[in-house]
């Protein structure tokens, strides 16, 4: 378990950043110019170039090309699930020069990426432990962009209008479901089709039950043994959420964009998603009435919980790496180093309410910040520990796919919990 004090150095009351993903037009489209000279290809899972992290990424690309007119950076963008599919193909066929990656064992494969000189980043303000997931056999192969936090966004106006209280216990969260449905609203908008948000929900429950699940998960995967009763209890609590009607009807076939739209349009009282969506408050595509009334709270306490009650579901998530086979490796690393300068990715991210990076952003805190972003900062500041890598991201690609493909079936009861855990064991053997 990592104590928050070791993760947030020289922060005061600050911390930082986010993961991503979003559905958007332009999926698969190449963004860039056609100047002659060095051309860098970049593969990104940030298709929305007008909001959030996609906006910040494009700002830095445009700035770099303006400062270096001999360099063209062409960006291929896909939404998250399509990105993952094509990423697997690129792993076999050969990577673009720069790629979005995650600090996960299944993604950070030795030999796939160019080794980075860790000395180059001594003054970049990375938090202690932020680089851990991007090392393989002691070598640094990528840089993290985010410190991701998972929670429940909620519509403050609806909660106030109907006298709903922010739940302090999981049972109180479940009790809200019928009250919210009685008003013709969805209690919690959930992206159940993509699998990973449900897996993160499961991770959040496990963390609340145990306070520290990293060693437990590593041993379960290494030994192909998920017999620890906590795995079963965690799925039982998920089944209670589905049985209570906490998620929208058909949630298991509805993706990220559909879930977010339910909340953004005021049809859902809550939206379970990561801190990277704090930029919703600046997204003009969302009605002002909703943008002005977005709050957030964390997974409430669960009966029988341990130290996880005061911990927080957070980890250093997405980032970037350079292909080991890049013909323009030196220029690609130079761009990466430019992107991560403290006055670039972290600064622009904070200024655009994209949120909390893996680098110290305390220098950019202004007197007036969005209340939502400050809430995330305070939640992280007050936490006694963080969860670390979600359970679905702790093993191989096959394990990850099994977890994410089957989690909804385990939660809705169409697959017995024992069978769900058995499938995880089988794929780990």
Protein backbone atom coordinates (compact mmCIF):
# COMPACT_ATOMS: atom_id res chain seq x y z
CA UNK A 1 0.00 0.00 0.00
CA UNK A 2 1.43 3.41 -0.94
CA UNK A 3 0.85 6.20 1.50
CA UNK A 4 -0.39 9.44 -0.03
CA UNK A 5 2.47 11.33 1.59
CA UNK A 6 4.97 9.39 -0.50
CA UNK A 7 3.05 10.02 -3.69
CA UNK A 8 2.46 13.75 -3.39
CA UNK A 9 5.79 15.43 -2.79
CA UNK A 10 6.15 19.18 -2.58
CA UNK A 11 2.46 19.52 -3.31
CA UNK A 12 0.99 21.34 -0.37
CA UNK A 13 -2.62 20.58 -1.08
CA UNK A 14 -2.20 19.55 -4.66
CA UNK A 15 -1.96 16.58 -6.88
CA UNK A 16 -2.83 15.57 -10.36
CA UNK A 17 -4.16 14.08 -13.68
CA UNK A 18 -6.26 11.84 -15.86
CA UNK A 19 -6.70 9.08 -18.22
CA UNK A 20 -9.15 9.53 -21.05
CA UNK A 21 -11.32 8.20 -23.66
CA UNK A 22 -14.29 9.54 -25.35
CA UNK A 23 -16.33 8.75 -28.40
CA UNK A 24 -16.01 11.37 -31.11
CA UNK A 25 -16.24 12.07 -34.79
CA UNK A 26 -12.98 11.82 -36.64
CA UNK A 27 -12.20 8.37 -35.28
CA UNK A 28 -9.28 7.01 -37.28
CA UNK A 29 -8.65 10.39 -38.92
CA UNK A 30 -5.12 11.74 -39.28
CA UNK A 31 -4.57 15.17 -37.75
CA UNK A 32 -1.50 17.18 -38.82
CA UNK A 33 0.11 19.13 -41.65
CA UNK A 34 2.09 18.04 -44.70
CA UNK A 35 5.31 20.07 -44.44
CA UNK A 36 8.44 18.43 -45.79
CA UNK A 37 11.12 17.22 -43.41
CA UNK A 38 10.90 14.85 -40.46
CA UNK A 39 7.48 13.25 -40.05
CA UNK A 40 6.55 11.69 -36.72
CA UNK A 41 3.54 9.42 -36.54
CA UNK A 42 1.57 9.40 -33.31
CA UNK A 43 -1.19 7.01 -32.27
CA UNK A 44 -3.53 8.47 -29.64
CA UNK A 45 -6.68 7.36 -27.85
CA UNK A 46 -7.86 10.96 -27.51
CA UNK A 47 -10.19 11.52 -30.50
CA UNK A 48 -11.84 14.67 -29.11
CA UNK A 49 -9.38 17.42 -30.06
CA UNK A 50 -11.61 20.25 -28.82
CA UNK A 51 -12.07 19.23 -25.19
CA UNK A 52 -10.21 17.54 -22.37
CA UNK A 53 -6.88 15.83 -22.81
CA UNK A 54 -7.21 15.62 -26.58
CA UNK A 55 -7.29 19.42 -26.68
CA UNK A 56 -4.18 19.64 -24.49
CA UNK A 57 -2.35 17.02 -26.55
CA UNK A 58 -3.10 18.89 -29.78
CA UNK A 59 -2.06 22.23 -28.26
CA UNK A 60 1.39 20.82 -27.49
CA UNK A 61 1.72 19.19 -30.92
CA UNK A 62 0.83 22.46 -32.66
CA UNK A 63 3.26 24.38 -30.48
CA UNK A 64 6.10 21.93 -31.17
CA UNK A 65 5.55 22.07 -34.93
CA UNK A 66 5.49 25.86 -34.83
CA UNK A 67 8.82 25.92 -32.98
CA UNK A 68 10.23 23.19 -35.23
CA UNK A 69 8.86 23.85 -38.77
CA UNK A 70 10.94 21.00 -40.20
CA UNK A 71 8.92 18.52 -38.11
CA UNK A 72 5.45 17.25 -38.95
CA UNK A 73 3.50 15.25 -36.38
CA UNK A 74 0.66 13.21 -37.83
CA UNK A 75 -1.83 11.94 -35.25
CA UNK A 76 -4.07 8.95 -35.72
CA UNK A 77 -6.91 8.97 -33.20
CA UNK A 78 -9.35 6.27 -32.17
CA UNK A 79 -11.74 5.99 -29.27
CA UNK A 80 -10.56 3.74 -26.48
CA UNK A 81 -11.92 0.33 -27.43
CA UNK A 82 -11.03 0.68 -31.11
CA UNK A 83 -7.65 1.98 -30.02
CA UNK A 84 -6.96 -1.13 -27.95
CA UNK A 85 -7.86 -3.38 -30.87
CA UNK A 86 -5.56 -1.60 -33.32
CA UNK A 87 -2.84 -1.30 -30.68
CA UNK A 88 -2.66 -5.10 -30.54
CA UNK A 89 -2.18 -5.17 -34.31
CA UNK A 90 0.56 -2.54 -34.07
CA UNK A 91 2.31 -4.64 -31.44
CA UNK A 92 2.75 -7.28 -34.14
CA UNK A 93 3.14 -5.13 -37.26
CA UNK A 94 5.27 -2.35 -35.79
CA UNK A 95 4.39 0.73 -33.78
CA UNK A 96 3.99 4.34 -34.90
CA UNK A 97 6.79 6.60 -33.58
CA UNK A 98 4.83 7.72 -30.49
CA UNK A 99 1.97 5.81 -28.89
CA UNK A 100 -0.42 6.22 -25.99
CA UNK A 101 0.28 3.50 -23.42
CA UNK A 102 -0.79 2.44 -19.95
CA UNK A 103 1.46 1.50 -17.05
CA UNK A 104 0.22 -2.10 -17.04
CA UNK A 105 2.11 -5.40 -17.37
CA UNK A 106 0.19 -6.33 -20.52
CA UNK A 107 1.12 -3.06 -22.26
CA UNK A 108 4.63 -2.27 -21.04
CA UNK A 109 6.39 -5.12 -22.84
CA UNK A 110 10.18 -5.25 -22.74
CA UNK A 111 11.72 -4.52 -26.14
CA UNK A 112 8.63 -2.92 -27.68
CA UNK A 113 9.54 0.65 -26.75
CA UNK A 114 12.67 2.80 -26.78
CA UNK A 115 14.40 3.03 -23.42
CA UNK A 116 14.27 6.52 -21.91
CA UNK A 117 17.04 8.10 -19.85
CA UNK A 118 15.53 8.61 -16.41
CA UNK A 119 18.12 11.29 -15.64
CA UNK A 120 16.40 13.51 -18.20
CA UNK A 121 13.37 13.79 -15.93
CA UNK A 122 14.96 14.60 -12.58
CA UNK A 123 13.52 18.13 -12.67
CA UNK A 124 10.19 17.27 -14.26
CA UNK A 125 8.32 16.97 -10.96
CA UNK A 126 7.06 13.39 -11.28
CA UNK A 127 5.57 12.14 -8.05
CA UNK A 128 7.35 9.40 -6.17
CA UNK A 129 6.18 6.08 -7.59
CA UNK A 130 4.57 7.63 -10.67
CA UNK A 131 7.08 6.01 -13.04
CA UNK A 132 6.88 2.53 -11.50
CA UNK A 133 4.31 1.11 -13.91
CA UNK A 134 6.32 2.29 -16.90
CA UNK A 135 9.49 0.41 -15.99
CA UNK A 136 10.30 -3.11 -17.14
CA UNK A 137 13.26 -4.95 -15.62
CA UNK A 138 14.49 -1.69 -14.14
CA UNK A 139 14.41 0.19 -17.47
CA UNK A 140 12.11 3.16 -18.15
CA UNK A 141 10.07 2.78 -21.34
CA UNK A 142 7.31 5.34 -20.96
CA UNK A 143 6.05 8.37 -19.06
CA UNK A 144 2.73 8.63 -17.18
CA UNK A 145 0.33 11.42 -17.97
CA UNK A 146 -2.24 10.93 -15.26
CA UNK A 147 -3.11 10.34 -11.66
CA UNK A 148 -6.52 8.79 -12.15
CA UNK A 149 -9.26 8.74 -9.50
CA UNK A 150 -12.55 6.88 -9.87
CA UNK A 151 -15.74 8.20 -8.33
CA UNK A 152 -19.39 9.11 -8.76
CA UNK A 153 -20.14 12.39 -10.51
CA UNK A 154 -23.55 13.59 -9.40
CA UNK A 155 -26.04 16.29 -10.36
CA UNK A 156 -26.12 18.58 -7.32
CA UNK A 157 -29.30 20.32 -8.43
CA UNK A 158 -31.22 17.02 -8.66
CA UNK A 159 -29.93 15.88 -5.28
CA UNK A 160 -31.01 19.17 -3.72
CA UNK A 161 -34.39 19.25 -5.47
CA UNK A 162 -35.35 15.77 -4.28
CA UNK A 163 -33.58 15.87 -0.92
CA UNK A 164 -31.25 13.00 -1.76
CA UNK A 165 -28.23 12.68 0.51
CA UNK A 166 -24.73 11.77 -0.64
CA UNK A 167 -24.43 8.14 0.51
CA UNK A 168 -21.95 7.37 3.27
CA UNK A 169 -22.40 3.61 2.98
CA UNK A 170 -22.84 1.23 0.06
CA UNK A 171 -26.25 0.28 1.42
CA UNK A 172 -27.31 3.94 1.28
CA UNK A 173 -26.09 4.10 -2.32
CA UNK A 174 -28.25 1.11 -3.22
CA UNK A 175 -31.21 2.62 -1.37
CA UNK A 176 -31.03 5.69 -3.64
CA UNK A 177 -31.73 3.60 -6.73
CA UNK A 178 -35.51 3.13 -6.33
CA UNK A 179 -35.97 6.73 -5.18
CA UNK A 180 -34.20 8.07 -8.25
CA UNK A 181 -35.99 5.71 -10.61
CA UNK A 182 -39.30 6.87 -9.12
CA UNK A 183 -38.52 10.31 -10.57
CA UNK A 184 -38.02 8.86 -14.03
CA UNK A 185 -34.24 9.17 -13.87
CA UNK A 186 -31.32 6.78 -14.13
CA UNK A 187 -29.54 6.39 -10.77
CA UNK A 188 -26.00 5.77 -12.10
CA UNK A 189 -25.00 5.97 -15.76
CA UNK A 190 -22.62 3.05 -16.34
CA UNK A 191 -20.51 2.12 -19.35
CA UNK A 192 -21.08 -1.61 -19.15
CA UNK A 193 -20.31 -2.49 -22.76
CA UNK A 194 -16.60 -1.71 -22.61
CA UNK A 195 -15.95 -3.79 -19.52
CA UNK A 196 -13.22 -1.74 -17.88
CA UNK A 197 -15.53 0.67 -15.96
CA UNK A 198 -17.32 -2.34 -14.44
CA UNK A 199 -13.93 -3.88 -13.63
CA UNK A 200 -12.91 -0.62 -11.95
CA UNK A 201 -16.17 -0.69 -9.98
CA UNK A 202 -15.23 -4.21 -8.85
CA UNK A 203 -11.71 -2.98 -8.00
CA UNK A 204 -13.18 -0.18 -5.93
CA UNK A 205 -15.30 -2.62 -3.96
CA UNK A 206 -12.34 -4.96 -3.40
CA UNK A 207 -10.22 -2.06 -2.20
CA UNK A 208 -12.91 -0.99 0.24
CA UNK A 209 -13.17 -4.54 1.53
CA UNK A 210 -9.44 -5.11 1.92
CA UNK A 211 -7.66 -1.77 2.09
CA UNK A 212 -4.80 -3.30 0.08
CA UNK A 213 -5.45 -5.71 -2.74
CA UNK A 214 -2.30 -5.39 -4.87
CA UNK A 215 -0.45 -8.33 -3.32
CA UNK A 216 -3.64 -10.38 -3.25
CA UNK A 217 -4.20 -9.80 -6.98
CA UNK A 218 -0.59 -10.51 -7.90
CA UNK A 219 -0.70 -13.82 -6.04
CA UNK A 220 -4.08 -14.77 -7.51
CA UNK A 221 -2.81 -14.17 -11.05
CA UNK A 222 0.58 -15.80 -10.48
CA UNK A 223 -0.95 -18.89 -8.88
CA UNK A 224 -4.12 -18.99 -11.00
CA UNK A 225 -6.07 -19.08 -7.75
CA UNK A 226 -9.01 -16.76 -7.05
CA UNK A 227 -10.34 -18.77 -4.12
CA UNK A 228 -9.89 -15.95 -1.60
CA UNK A 229 -13.44 -15.26 -0.31
CA UNK A 230 -13.05 -11.52 -0.91
CA UNK A 231 -13.30 -12.05 -4.69
CA UNK A 232 -16.68 -13.69 -4.19
CA UNK A 233 -17.87 -11.05 -1.70
CA UNK A 234 -16.89 -8.31 -4.12
CA UNK A 235 -18.98 -9.83 -6.90
CA UNK A 236 -21.89 -10.31 -4.50
CA UNK A 237 -21.87 -6.58 -3.79
CA UNK A 238 -21.84 -5.90 -7.53
CA UNK A 239 -24.83 -8.19 -7.98
CA UNK A 240 -26.67 -6.24 -5.28
CA UNK A 241 -26.08 -3.04 -7.26
CA UNK A 242 -27.57 -4.58 -10.41
CA UNK A 243 -30.48 -6.10 -8.48
CA UNK A 244 -31.25 -2.71 -6.90
CA UNK A 245 -31.46 -1.12 -10.37
CA UNK A 246 -28.50 1.16 -9.68
CA UNK A 247 -27.46 1.22 -13.34
CA UNK A 248 -29.56 2.09 -16.39
CA UNK A 249 -31.55 -0.62 -18.15
CA UNK A 250 -29.36 -2.25 -20.78
CA UNK A 251 -26.19 -0.84 -19.21
CA UNK A 252 -24.22 -3.93 -20.24
CA UNK A 253 -24.71 -3.09 -23.93
CA UNK A 254 -24.24 0.67 -23.65
CA UNK A 255 -20.81 2.21 -24.11
CA UNK A 256 -18.90 5.18 -22.75
CA UNK A 257 -20.50 7.80 -24.97
CA UNK A 258 -24.03 6.61 -24.23
CA UNK A 259 -23.42 6.53 -20.48
CA UNK A 260 -21.86 9.98 -20.45
CA UNK A 261 -24.71 11.39 -22.55
CA UNK A 262 -27.25 10.16 -20.01
CA UNK A 263 -25.56 12.22 -17.33
CA UNK A 264 -24.66 15.20 -19.51
CA UNK A 265 -28.27 15.51 -20.70
CA UNK A 266 -29.62 15.46 -17.14
CA UNK A 267 -31.26 12.03 -17.51
CA UNK A 268 -29.02 10.36 -14.94
CA UNK A 269 -28.45 11.54 -11.38
CA UNK A 270 -24.93 10.06 -11.27
CA UNK A 271 -22.15 8.91 -13.60
CA UNK A 272 -19.45 6.46 -12.50
CA UNK A 273 -16.21 7.49 -14.19
CA UNK A 274 -12.64 8.73 -13.72
CA UNK A 275 -11.33 12.10 -12.69
CA UNK A 276 -10.33 12.92 -16.27
CA UNK A 277 -13.96 13.85 -16.87
CA UNK A 278 -13.65 16.84 -14.52
CA UNK A 279 -13.31 18.82 -17.75
CA UNK A 280 -17.08 18.37 -18.20
CA UNK A 281 -17.50 21.69 -16.38
CA UNK A 282 -15.82 23.46 -19.31
CA UNK A 283 -17.39 21.42 -22.11
CA UNK A 284 -19.80 23.74 -23.91
CA UNK A 285 -21.47 20.78 -25.57
CA UNK A 286 -22.98 19.99 -22.16
CA UNK A 287 -25.96 22.15 -21.08
CA UNK A 288 -24.98 24.97 -18.73
CA UNK A 289 -27.54 23.82 -16.17
CA UNK A 290 -25.73 20.50 -15.87
CA UNK A 291 -22.19 21.93 -16.05
CA UNK A 292 -22.91 24.31 -13.18
CA UNK A 293 -24.12 21.52 -10.92
CA UNK A 294 -21.58 18.69 -11.10
CA UNK A 295 -20.19 17.33 -7.85
CA UNK A 296 -18.29 14.15 -7.05
CA UNK A 297 -18.04 11.63 -4.22
CA UNK A 298 -16.06 8.42 -3.79
CA UNK A 299 -17.18 4.82 -3.36
CA UNK A 300 -18.86 4.78 0.08
CA UNK A 301 -17.92 2.44 2.90
CA UNK A 302 -18.95 -1.20 2.66
CA UNK A 303 -19.96 -3.50 5.50
CA UNK A 304 -16.96 -5.45 6.74
CA UNK A 305 -14.49 -3.06 5.12
CA UNK A 306 -10.94 -2.61 6.34
CA UNK A 307 -8.52 0.31 5.95
CA UNK A 308 -9.81 0.88 2.44
CA UNK A 309 -12.57 2.97 4.00
CA UNK A 310 -10.17 5.91 4.16
CA UNK A 311 -8.26 5.00 1.01
CA UNK A 312 -8.97 6.16 -2.51
CA UNK A 313 -9.28 4.39 -5.84
CA UNK A 314 -6.39 6.02 -7.69
CA UNK A 315 -3.41 5.07 -9.82
CA UNK A 316 -1.00 6.49 -12.39
CA UNK A 317 -2.67 5.62 -15.65
CA UNK A 318 -2.20 6.55 -19.27
CA UNK A 319 0.94 7.99 -20.78
CA UNK A 320 3.22 7.83 -23.82
CA UNK A 321 6.10 5.80 -25.18
CA UNK A 322 8.37 5.85 -28.24
CA UNK A 323 8.62 2.84 -30.52
CA UNK A 324 11.90 0.93 -30.30
CA UNK A 325 11.80 0.57 -34.10
CA UNK A 326 11.17 4.25 -34.85
CA UNK A 327 13.26 5.62 -37.73
CA UNK A 328 13.01 9.02 -36.03
CA UNK A 329 13.64 7.82 -32.51
CA UNK A 330 15.79 10.77 -31.44
CA UNK A 331 13.24 13.33 -32.63
CA UNK A 332 10.37 11.36 -31.07
CA UNK A 333 12.12 11.34 -27.67
CA UNK A 334 12.86 15.05 -28.07
CA UNK A 335 9.15 15.70 -28.63
CA UNK A 336 8.21 13.52 -25.66
CA UNK A 337 10.60 15.45 -23.43
CA UNK A 338 9.11 18.72 -24.70
CA UNK A 339 5.59 17.47 -24.02
CA UNK A 340 6.44 16.61 -20.41
CA UNK A 341 8.20 19.84 -19.56
CA UNK A 342 6.53 21.10 -16.36
CA UNK A 343 5.15 24.13 -18.22
CA UNK A 344 3.47 22.02 -20.92
CA UNK A 345 1.36 18.92 -20.23
CA UNK A 346 0.75 19.59 -16.54
CA UNK A 347 0.26 23.34 -16.92
CA UNK A 348 -2.05 23.16 -19.92
CA UNK A 349 -3.95 20.29 -18.35
CA UNK A 350 -4.61 22.24 -15.18
CA UNK A 351 -5.57 25.41 -17.02
CA UNK A 352 -8.11 23.48 -19.07
CA UNK A 353 -9.53 21.58 -16.07
CA UNK A 354 -8.33 18.30 -17.55
CA UNK A 355 -7.11 17.58 -14.11
CA UNK A 356 -4.44 15.91 -12.29
CA UNK A 357 -1.23 14.83 -13.92
CA UNK A 358 1.53 12.54 -12.71
CA UNK A 359 3.64 15.66 -12.14
CA UNK A 360 3.48 18.34 -9.46
CA UNK A 361 1.00 20.99 -10.57
CA UNK A 362 0.97 23.10 -7.41
CA UNK A 363 2.59 26.04 -9.18
CA UNK A 364 -0.46 26.41 -11.40
CA UNK A 365 -3.16 26.57 -8.77
CA UNK A 366 -4.94 29.88 -9.19
CA UNK A 367 -7.10 31.65 -6.66
CA UNK A 368 -10.19 30.66 -8.61
CA UNK A 369 -10.44 27.07 -9.80
CA UNK A 370 -13.41 24.94 -10.70
CA UNK A 371 -15.01 23.54 -7.57
CA UNK A 372 -15.04 20.06 -9.11
CA UNK A 373 -11.29 20.01 -9.67
CA UNK A 374 -10.57 21.31 -6.18
CA UNK A 375 -12.83 18.57 -4.80
CA UNK A 376 -10.67 15.92 -6.46
CA UNK A 377 -7.56 17.59 -5.06
CA UNK A 378 -8.99 17.60 -1.55
CA UNK A 379 -10.18 14.00 -1.79
CA UNK A 380 -6.71 12.88 -2.77
CA UNK A 381 -5.11 15.06 -0.13
CA UNK A 382 -7.28 13.55 2.63
CA UNK A 383 -6.85 9.92 1.59
CA UNK A 384 -4.57 7.73 3.69
CA UNK A 385 -3.70 5.37 0.85
CA UNK A 386 -4.35 4.72 -2.83
CA UNK A 387 -5.42 1.51 -4.49
CA UNK A 388 -2.86 1.26 -7.28
CA UNK A 389 -3.46 -0.63 -10.53
CA UNK A 390 -7.07 -1.81 -11.02
CA UNK A 391 -7.59 -5.58 -10.90
CA UNK A 392 -8.32 -5.88 -14.63
CA UNK A 393 -4.99 -4.27 -15.54
CA UNK A 394 -2.75 -6.34 -13.29
CA UNK A 395 -2.10 -9.27 -15.62
CA UNK A 396 -1.73 -10.36 -19.23
CA UNK A 397 -3.82 -9.16 -22.17
CA UNK A 398 -5.70 -12.47 -22.07
CA UNK A 399 -6.50 -12.02 -18.37
CA UNK A 400 -7.55 -8.40 -18.95
CA UNK A 401 -9.83 -9.42 -21.84
CA UNK A 402 -11.40 -12.21 -19.79
CA UNK A 403 -12.07 -9.93 -16.84
CA UNK A 404 -13.57 -7.15 -18.95
CA UNK A 405 -15.58 -9.46 -21.23
CA UNK A 406 -17.15 -11.44 -18.39
CA UNK A 407 -17.54 -8.89 -15.59
CA UNK A 408 -21.03 -7.77 -16.65
CA UNK A 409 -22.23 -11.39 -16.79
CA UNK A 410 -20.94 -12.00 -13.29
CA UNK A 411 -22.58 -8.81 -12.05
CA UNK A 412 -25.98 -9.42 -13.59
CA UNK A 413 -26.08 -13.07 -12.55
CA UNK A 414 -26.16 -14.63 -16.02
CA UNK A 415 -22.88 -16.26 -15.04
CA UNK A 416 -22.36 -17.82 -11.63
CA UNK A 417 -19.71 -16.08 -9.55
CA UNK A 418 -17.82 -19.34 -9.17
CA UNK A 419 -17.76 -19.76 -12.96
CA UNK A 420 -16.56 -16.18 -13.44
CA UNK A 421 -13.66 -16.71 -11.04
CA UNK A 422 -12.92 -20.09 -12.61
CA UNK A 423 -12.54 -18.46 -16.02
CA UNK A 424 -10.05 -16.00 -14.53
CA UNK A 425 -8.09 -18.91 -13.10
CA UNK A 426 -8.14 -20.77 -16.42
CA UNK A 427 -6.75 -17.83 -18.37
CA UNK A 428 -3.97 -17.36 -15.82
CA UNK A 429 -2.74 -20.95 -16.10
